[in-house]
């Protein structure tokens, strides 16, 4: 995964001001794996885009998508 861009970094700083660690779960604490989380802007099917315009494909299908699929009507 690419490192977070400028927009994602700015959003992370805002989140850290109101949410301990900037995330709502220790599972998503990217610092533990020396990474920076991208902030997701939108999704379409298994593809997601972050605030910096980077596109990703969800190869994991974890949590909701595992059970419900992507972008269910």
PDB file of N, CA and C in Angstrom:
ATOM      1  N   UNK A   1       0.841  -1.176   0.000  1.00  0.00           N
ATOM      2  CA  UNK A   1       0.000   0.000   0.000  1.00  0.00           C
ATOM      3  C   UNK A   1       0.885   1.239   0.000  1.00  0.00           C
ATOM      4  N   UNK A   2       0.484   2.218  -0.747  1.00  0.00           N
ATOM      5  CA  UNK A   2       1.227   3.476  -0.797  1.00  0.00           C
ATOM      6  C   UNK A   2       1.090   4.221   0.523  1.00  0.00           C
ATOM      7  N   UNK A   3       2.081   5.039   0.812  1.00  0.00           N
ATOM      8  CA  UNK A   3       1.986   5.869   2.007  1.00  0.00           C
ATOM      9  C   UNK A   3       0.956   6.959   1.786  1.00  0.00           C
ATOM     10  N   UNK A   4       0.390   7.428   2.870  1.00  0.00           N
ATOM     11  CA  UNK A   4      -0.635   8.460   2.798  1.00  0.00           C
ATOM     12  C   UNK A   4      -0.084   9.734   2.174  1.00  0.00           C
ATOM     13  N   UNK A   5      -0.926  10.408   1.402  1.00  0.00           N
ATOM     14  CA  UNK A   5      -0.543  11.670   0.785  1.00  0.00           C
ATOM     15  C   UNK A   5      -0.835  12.843   1.710  1.00  0.00           C
ATOM     16  N   UNK A   6      -0.639  14.032   1.197  1.00  0.00           N
ATOM     17  CA  UNK A   6      -0.794  15.249   1.998  1.00  0.00           C
ATOM     18  C   UNK A   6      -2.200  15.410   2.561  1.00  0.00           C
ATOM     19  N   UNK A   7      -3.232  15.164   1.752  1.00  0.00           N
ATOM     20  CA  UNK A   7      -4.609  15.320   2.234  1.00  0.00           C
ATOM     21  C   UNK A   7      -4.906  14.314   3.337  1.00  0.00           C
ATOM     22  N   UNK A   8      -4.477  13.061   3.148  1.00  0.00           N
ATOM     23  CA  UNK A   8      -4.704  12.039   4.176  1.00  0.00           C
ATOM     24  C   UNK A   8      -3.954  12.377   5.458  1.00  0.00           C
ATOM     25  N   UNK A   9      -2.739  12.900   5.336  1.00  0.00           N
ATOM     26  CA  UNK A   9      -1.974  13.287   6.531  1.00  0.00           C
ATOM     27  C   UNK A   9      -2.685  14.398   7.296  1.00  0.00           C
ATOM     28  N   UNK A  10      -3.212  15.380   6.577  1.00  0.00           N
ATOM     29  CA  UNK A  10      -3.927  16.483   7.226  1.00  0.00           C
ATOM     30  C   UNK A  10      -5.182  15.973   7.930  1.00  0.00           C
ATOM     31  N   UNK A  11      -5.903  15.063   7.299  1.00  0.00           N
ATOM     32  CA  UNK A  11      -7.103  14.499   7.926  1.00  0.00           C
ATOM     33  C   UNK A  11      -6.746  13.657   9.143  1.00  0.00           C
ATOM     34  N   UNK A  12      -5.625  12.939   9.069  1.00  0.00           N
ATOM     35  CA  UNK A  12      -5.198  12.143  10.228  1.00  0.00           C
ATOM     36  C   UNK A  12      -4.907  13.052  11.414  1.00  0.00           C
ATOM     37  N   UNK A  13      -4.243  14.175  11.167  1.00  0.00           N
ATOM     38  CA  UNK A  13      -3.954  15.111  12.259  1.00  0.00           C
ATOM     39  C   UNK A  13      -5.239  15.629  12.888  1.00  0.00           C
ATOM     40  N   UNK A  14      -6.234  15.927  12.060  1.00  0.00           N
ATOM     41  CA  UNK A  14      -7.530  16.370  12.594  1.00  0.00           C
ATOM     42  C   UNK A  14      -8.171  15.265  13.430  1.00  0.00           C
ATOM     43  N   UNK A  15      -8.111  14.027  12.930  1.00  0.00           N
ATOM     44  CA  UNK A  15      -8.706  12.901  13.655  1.00  0.00           C
ATOM     45  C   UNK A  15      -8.007  12.665  14.989  1.00  0.00           C
ATOM     46  N   UNK A  16      -6.679  12.800  15.007  1.00  0.00           N
ATOM     47  CA  UNK A  16      -5.932  12.584  16.248  1.00  0.00           C
ATOM     48  C   UNK A  16      -6.280  13.609  17.319  1.00  0.00           C
ATOM     49  N   UNK A  17      -6.791  14.760  16.912  1.00  0.00           N
ATOM     50  CA  UNK A  17      -7.174  15.792  17.879  1.00  0.00           C
ATOM     51  C   UNK A  17      -8.446  15.421  18.637  1.00  0.00           C
ATOM     52  N   UNK A  18      -9.272  14.547  18.058  1.00  0.00           N
ATOM     53  CA  UNK A  18     -10.546  14.209  18.698  1.00  0.00           C
ATOM     54  C   UNK A  18     -10.730  12.717  18.988  1.00  0.00           C
ATOM     55  N   UNK A  19      -9.915  11.858  18.377  1.00  0.00           N
ATOM     56  CA  UNK A  19     -10.011  10.409  18.587  1.00  0.00           C
ATOM     57  C   UNK A  19      -8.641   9.914  19.023  1.00  0.00           C
ATOM     58  N   UNK A  20      -8.539   9.243  20.166  1.00  0.00           N
ATOM     59  CA  UNK A  20      -7.229   8.747  20.602  1.00  0.00           C
ATOM     60  C   UNK A  20      -6.564   7.900  19.514  1.00  0.00           C
ATOM     61  N   UNK A  21      -5.377   8.283  19.117  1.00  0.00           N
ATOM     62  CA  UNK A  21      -4.659   7.565  18.071  1.00  0.00           C
ATOM     63  C   UNK A  21      -5.152   7.863  16.669  1.00  0.00           C
ATOM     64  N   UNK A  22      -6.244   8.629  16.555  1.00  0.00           N
ATOM     65  CA  UNK A  22      -6.783   8.988  15.252  1.00  0.00           C
ATOM     66  C   UNK A  22      -7.623   7.919  14.586  1.00  0.00           C
ATOM     67  N   UNK A  23      -7.811   6.778  15.256  1.00  0.00           N
ATOM     68  CA  UNK A  23      -8.618   5.686  14.705  1.00  0.00           C
ATOM     69  C   UNK A  23      -9.551   5.158  15.777  1.00  0.00           C
ATOM     70  N   UNK A  24     -10.597   4.448  15.363  1.00  0.00           N
ATOM     71  CA  UNK A  24     -11.572   3.945  16.325  1.00  0.00           C
ATOM     72  C   UNK A  24     -11.311   2.513  16.777  1.00  0.00           C
ATOM     73  N   UNK A  25     -10.178   1.952  16.398  1.00  0.00           N
ATOM     74  CA  UNK A  25      -9.850   0.588  16.789  1.00  0.00           C
ATOM     75  C   UNK A  25      -8.339   0.398  16.753  1.00  0.00           C
ATOM     76  N   UNK A  26      -7.781  -0.287  17.754  1.00  0.00           N
ATOM     77  CA  UNK A  26      -6.345  -0.542  17.715  1.00  0.00           C
ATOM     78  C   UNK A  26      -5.933  -1.380  16.509  1.00  0.00           C
ATOM     79  N   UNK A  27      -6.867  -2.119  15.934  1.00  0.00           N
ATOM     80  CA  UNK A  27      -6.575  -2.920  14.751  1.00  0.00           C
ATOM     81  C   UNK A  27      -6.134  -2.019  13.605  1.00  0.00           C
ATOM     82  N   UNK A  28      -6.674  -0.806  13.567  1.00  0.00           N
ATOM     83  CA  UNK A  28      -6.360   0.122  12.488  1.00  0.00           C
ATOM     84  C   UNK A  28      -5.233   1.086  12.840  1.00  0.00           C
ATOM     85  N   UNK A  29      -4.504   0.815  13.906  1.00  0.00           N
ATOM     86  CA  UNK A  29      -3.401   1.684  14.318  1.00  0.00           C
ATOM     87  C   UNK A  29      -2.187   1.400  13.439  1.00  0.00           C
ATOM     88  N   UNK A  30      -2.069   2.097  12.360  1.00  0.00           N
ATOM     89  CA  UNK A  30      -1.019   1.865  11.368  1.00  0.00           C
ATOM     90  C   UNK A  30       0.379   2.083  11.924  1.00  0.00           C
ATOM     91  N   UNK A  31       0.509   2.848  12.978  1.00  0.00           N
ATOM     92  CA  UNK A  31       1.842   3.092  13.535  1.00  0.00           C
ATOM     93  C   UNK A  31       2.504   1.800  14.001  1.00  0.00           C
ATOM     94  N   UNK A  32       1.690   0.833  14.397  1.00  0.00           N
ATOM     95  CA  UNK A  32       2.235  -0.441  14.860  1.00  0.00           C
ATOM     96  C   UNK A  32       2.996  -1.159  13.743  1.00  0.00           C
ATOM     97  N   UNK A  33       2.663  -0.855  12.507  1.00  0.00           N
ATOM     98  CA  UNK A  33       3.341  -1.477  11.367  1.00  0.00           C
ATOM     99  C   UNK A  33       4.080  -0.422  10.536  1.00  0.00           C
ATOM    100  N   UNK A  34       4.369   0.705  11.172  1.00  0.00           N
ATOM    101  CA  UNK A  34       5.123   1.797  10.558  1.00  0.00           C
ATOM    102  C   UNK A  34       4.509   2.287   9.253  1.00  0.00           C
ATOM    103  N   UNK A  35       3.213   2.484   9.268  1.00  0.00           N
ATOM    104  CA  UNK A  35       2.537   2.993   8.086  1.00  0.00           C
ATOM    105  C   UNK A  35       1.672   4.192   8.411  1.00  0.00           C
ATOM    106  N   UNK A  36       1.142   4.802   7.393  1.00  0.00           N
ATOM    107  CA  UNK A  36       0.222   5.911   7.550  1.00  0.00           C
ATOM    108  C   UNK A  36      -1.074   5.536   6.850  1.00  0.00           C
ATOM    109  N   UNK A  37      -2.203   5.685   7.530  1.00  0.00           N
ATOM    110  CA  UNK A  37      -3.462   5.283   6.909  1.00  0.00           C
ATOM    111  C   UNK A  37      -3.927   6.283   5.857  1.00  0.00           C
ATOM    112  N   UNK A  38      -4.367   5.791   4.708  1.00  0.00           N
ATOM    113  CA  UNK A  38      -5.003   6.699   3.765  1.00  0.00           C
ATOM    114  C   UNK A  38      -6.429   6.964   4.236  1.00  0.00           C
ATOM    115  N   UNK A  39      -6.949   8.140   3.980  1.00  0.00           N
ATOM    116  CA  UNK A  39      -8.343   8.430   4.291  1.00  0.00           C
ATOM    117  C   UNK A  39      -9.146   8.204   3.022  1.00  0.00           C
ATOM    118  N   UNK A  40     -10.108   7.307   3.106  1.00  0.00           N
ATOM    119  CA  UNK A  40     -10.869   6.894   1.938  1.00  0.00           C
ATOM    120  C   UNK A  40     -11.962   7.911   1.629  1.00  0.00           C
ATOM    121  N   UNK A  41     -12.021   8.318   0.385  1.00  0.00           N
ATOM    122  CA  UNK A  41     -13.005   9.304  -0.060  1.00  0.00           C
ATOM    123  C   UNK A  41     -14.260   8.637  -0.612  1.00  0.00           C
ATOM    124  N   UNK A  42     -14.060   7.582  -1.416  1.00  0.00           N
ATOM    125  CA  UNK A  42     -15.216   6.918  -2.012  1.00  0.00           C
ATOM    126  C   UNK A  42     -14.854   5.494  -2.402  1.00  0.00           C
ATOM    127  N   UNK A  43     -15.878   4.718  -2.675  1.00  0.00           N
ATOM    128  CA  UNK A  43     -15.677   3.356  -3.126  1.00  0.00           C
ATOM    129  C   UNK A  43     -16.673   3.001  -4.206  1.00  0.00           C
ATOM    130  N   UNK A  44     -16.293   2.073  -5.045  1.00  0.00           N
ATOM    131  CA  UNK A  44     -17.169   1.584  -6.101  1.00  0.00           C
ATOM    132  C   UNK A  44     -16.802   0.129  -6.340  1.00  0.00           C
ATOM    133  N   UNK A  45     -17.680  -0.768  -5.935  1.00  0.00           N
ATOM    134  CA  UNK A  45     -17.341  -2.181  -6.001  1.00  0.00           C
ATOM    135  C   UNK A  45     -16.159  -2.458  -5.087  1.00  0.00           C
ATOM    136  N   UNK A  46     -15.203  -3.223  -5.552  1.00  0.00           N
ATOM    137  CA  UNK A  46     -14.028  -3.555  -4.740  1.00  0.00           C
ATOM    138  C   UNK A  46     -12.944  -2.485  -4.832  1.00  0.00           C
ATOM    139  N   UNK A  47     -13.188  -1.420  -5.568  1.00  0.00           N
ATOM    140  CA  UNK A  47     -12.200  -0.337  -5.713  1.00  0.00           C
ATOM    141  C   UNK A  47     -12.534   0.812  -4.773  1.00  0.00           C
ATOM    142  N   UNK A  48     -11.477   1.371  -4.179  1.00  0.00           N
ATOM    143  CA  UNK A  48     -11.641   2.534  -3.311  1.00  0.00           C
ATOM    144  C   UNK A  48     -10.613   3.587  -3.698  1.00  0.00           C
ATOM    145  N   UNK A  49     -10.943   4.844  -3.420  1.00  0.00           N
ATOM    146  CA  UNK A  49     -10.057   5.969  -3.710  1.00  0.00           C
ATOM    147  C   UNK A  49      -9.856   6.760  -2.431  1.00  0.00           C
ATOM    148  N   UNK A  50      -8.611   7.188  -2.207  1.00  0.00           N
ATOM    149  CA  UNK A  50      -8.350   7.996  -1.021  1.00  0.00           C
ATOM    150  C   UNK A  50      -8.467   9.481  -1.359  1.00  0.00           C
ATOM    151  N   UNK A  51      -8.333  10.312  -0.342  1.00  0.00           N
ATOM    152  CA  UNK A  51      -8.468  11.757  -0.505  1.00  0.00           C
ATOM    153  C   UNK A  51      -7.416  12.350  -1.435  1.00  0.00           C
ATOM    154  N   UNK A  52      -6.333  11.628  -1.659  1.00  0.00           N
ATOM    155  CA  UNK A  52      -5.257  12.113  -2.518  1.00  0.00           C
ATOM    156  C   UNK A  52      -5.382  11.616  -3.954  1.00  0.00           C
ATOM    157  N   UNK A  53      -6.467  10.880  -4.247  1.00  0.00           N
ATOM    158  CA  UNK A  53      -6.704  10.409  -5.605  1.00  0.00           C
ATOM    159  C   UNK A  53      -6.094   9.064  -5.942  1.00  0.00           C
ATOM    160  N   UNK A  54      -5.472   8.391  -4.969  1.00  0.00           N
ATOM    161  CA  UNK A  54      -4.897   7.061  -5.212  1.00  0.00           C
ATOM    162  C   UNK A  54      -6.003   6.016  -5.217  1.00  0.00           C
ATOM    163  N   UNK A  55      -5.912   5.065  -6.120  1.00  0.00           N
ATOM    164  CA  UNK A  55      -6.906   4.002  -6.238  1.00  0.00           C
ATOM    165  C   UNK A  55      -6.347   2.701  -5.665  1.00  0.00           C
ATOM    166  N   UNK A  56      -7.198   1.970  -4.936  1.00  0.00           N
ATOM    167  CA  UNK A  56      -6.815   0.693  -4.335  1.00  0.00           C
ATOM    168  C   UNK A  56      -7.878  -0.345  -4.682  1.00  0.00           C
ATOM    169  N   UNK A  57      -7.492  -1.602  -4.659  1.00  0.00           N
ATOM    170  CA  UNK A  57      -8.434  -2.702  -4.830  1.00  0.00           C
ATOM    171  C   UNK A  57      -8.456  -3.491  -3.533  1.00  0.00           C
ATOM    172  N   UNK A  58      -9.655  -3.783  -3.041  1.00  0.00           N
ATOM    173  CA  UNK A  58      -9.799  -4.549  -1.808  1.00  0.00           C
ATOM    174  C   UNK A  58      -9.624  -6.033  -2.118  1.00  0.00           C
ATOM    175  N   UNK A  59      -8.443  -6.547  -1.820  1.00  0.00           N
ATOM    176  CA  UNK A  59      -8.182  -7.971  -2.002  1.00  0.00           C
ATOM    177  C   UNK A  59      -8.488  -8.773  -0.743  1.00  0.00           C
ATOM    178  N   UNK A  60      -8.760  -8.076   0.357  1.00  0.00           N
ATOM    179  CA  UNK A  60      -8.971  -8.748   1.632  1.00  0.00           C
ATOM    180  C   UNK A  60     -10.431  -9.126   1.830  1.00  0.00           C
ATOM    181  N   UNK A  61     -11.350  -8.216   1.527  1.00  0.00           N
ATOM    182  CA  UNK A  61     -12.773  -8.495   1.700  1.00  0.00           C
ATOM    183  C   UNK A  61     -13.151  -8.707   3.148  1.00  0.00           C
ATOM    184  N   UNK A  62     -12.520  -7.990   4.031  1.00  0.00           N
ATOM    185  CA  UNK A  62     -12.733  -8.193   5.460  1.00  0.00           C
ATOM    186  C   UNK A  62     -13.982  -7.485   5.974  1.00  0.00           C
ATOM    187  N   UNK A  63     -14.388  -7.844   7.151  1.00  0.00           N
ATOM    188  CA  UNK A  63     -15.527  -7.267   7.867  1.00  0.00           C
ATOM    189  C   UNK A  63     -16.788  -7.261   7.017  1.00  0.00           C
ATOM    190  N   UNK A  64     -17.349  -6.129   6.726  1.00  0.00           N
ATOM    191  CA  UNK A  64     -18.610  -6.042   5.987  1.00  0.00           C
ATOM    192  C   UNK A  64     -18.583  -6.659   4.605  1.00  0.00           C
ATOM    193  N   UNK A  65     -17.586  -6.338   3.761  1.00  0.00           N
ATOM    194  CA  UNK A  65     -17.579  -6.895   2.415  1.00  0.00           C
ATOM    195  C   UNK A  65     -17.523  -8.423   2.388  1.00  0.00           C
ATOM    196  N   UNK A  66     -16.896  -9.012   3.386  1.00  0.00           N
ATOM    197  CA  UNK A  66     -16.817 -10.466   3.448  1.00  0.00           C
ATOM    198  C   UNK A  66     -18.216 -11.071   3.530  1.00  0.00           C
ATOM    199  N   UNK A  67     -19.088 -10.420   4.282  1.00  0.00           N
ATOM    200  CA  UNK A  67     -20.444 -10.932   4.487  1.00  0.00           C
ATOM    201  C   UNK A  67     -21.424 -10.384   3.454  1.00  0.00           C
ATOM    202  N   UNK A  68     -21.331  -9.076   3.177  1.00  0.00           N
ATOM    203  CA  UNK A  68     -22.342  -8.398   2.373  1.00  0.00           C
ATOM    204  C   UNK A  68     -21.935  -8.102   0.938  1.00  0.00           C
ATOM    205  N   UNK A  69     -20.671  -8.225   0.616  1.00  0.00           N
ATOM    206  CA  UNK A  69     -20.197  -7.859  -0.712  1.00  0.00           C
ATOM    207  C   UNK A  69     -19.877  -6.376  -0.790  1.00  0.00           C
ATOM    208  N   UNK A  70     -19.460  -5.934  -1.943  1.00  0.00           N
ATOM    209  CA  UNK A  70     -19.102  -4.533  -2.161  1.00  0.00           C
ATOM    210  C   UNK A  70     -20.258  -3.794  -2.817  1.00  0.00           C
ATOM    211  N   UNK A  71     -20.578  -2.622  -2.277  1.00  0.00           N
ATOM    212  CA  UNK A  71     -21.573  -1.721  -2.863  1.00  0.00           C
ATOM    213  C   UNK A  71     -22.889  -2.432  -3.159  1.00  0.00           C
ATOM    214  N   UNK A  72     -23.389  -3.137  -2.177  1.00  0.00           N
ATOM    215  CA  UNK A  72     -24.671  -3.822  -2.349  1.00  0.00           C
ATOM    216  C   UNK A  72     -25.785  -2.794  -2.548  1.00  0.00           C
ATOM    217  N   UNK A  73     -26.745  -3.087  -3.432  1.00  0.00           N
ATOM    218  CA  UNK A  73     -27.838  -2.116  -3.668  1.00  0.00           C
ATOM    219  C   UNK A  73     -28.754  -1.993  -2.463  1.00  0.00           C
TER     220      UNK A  73
END
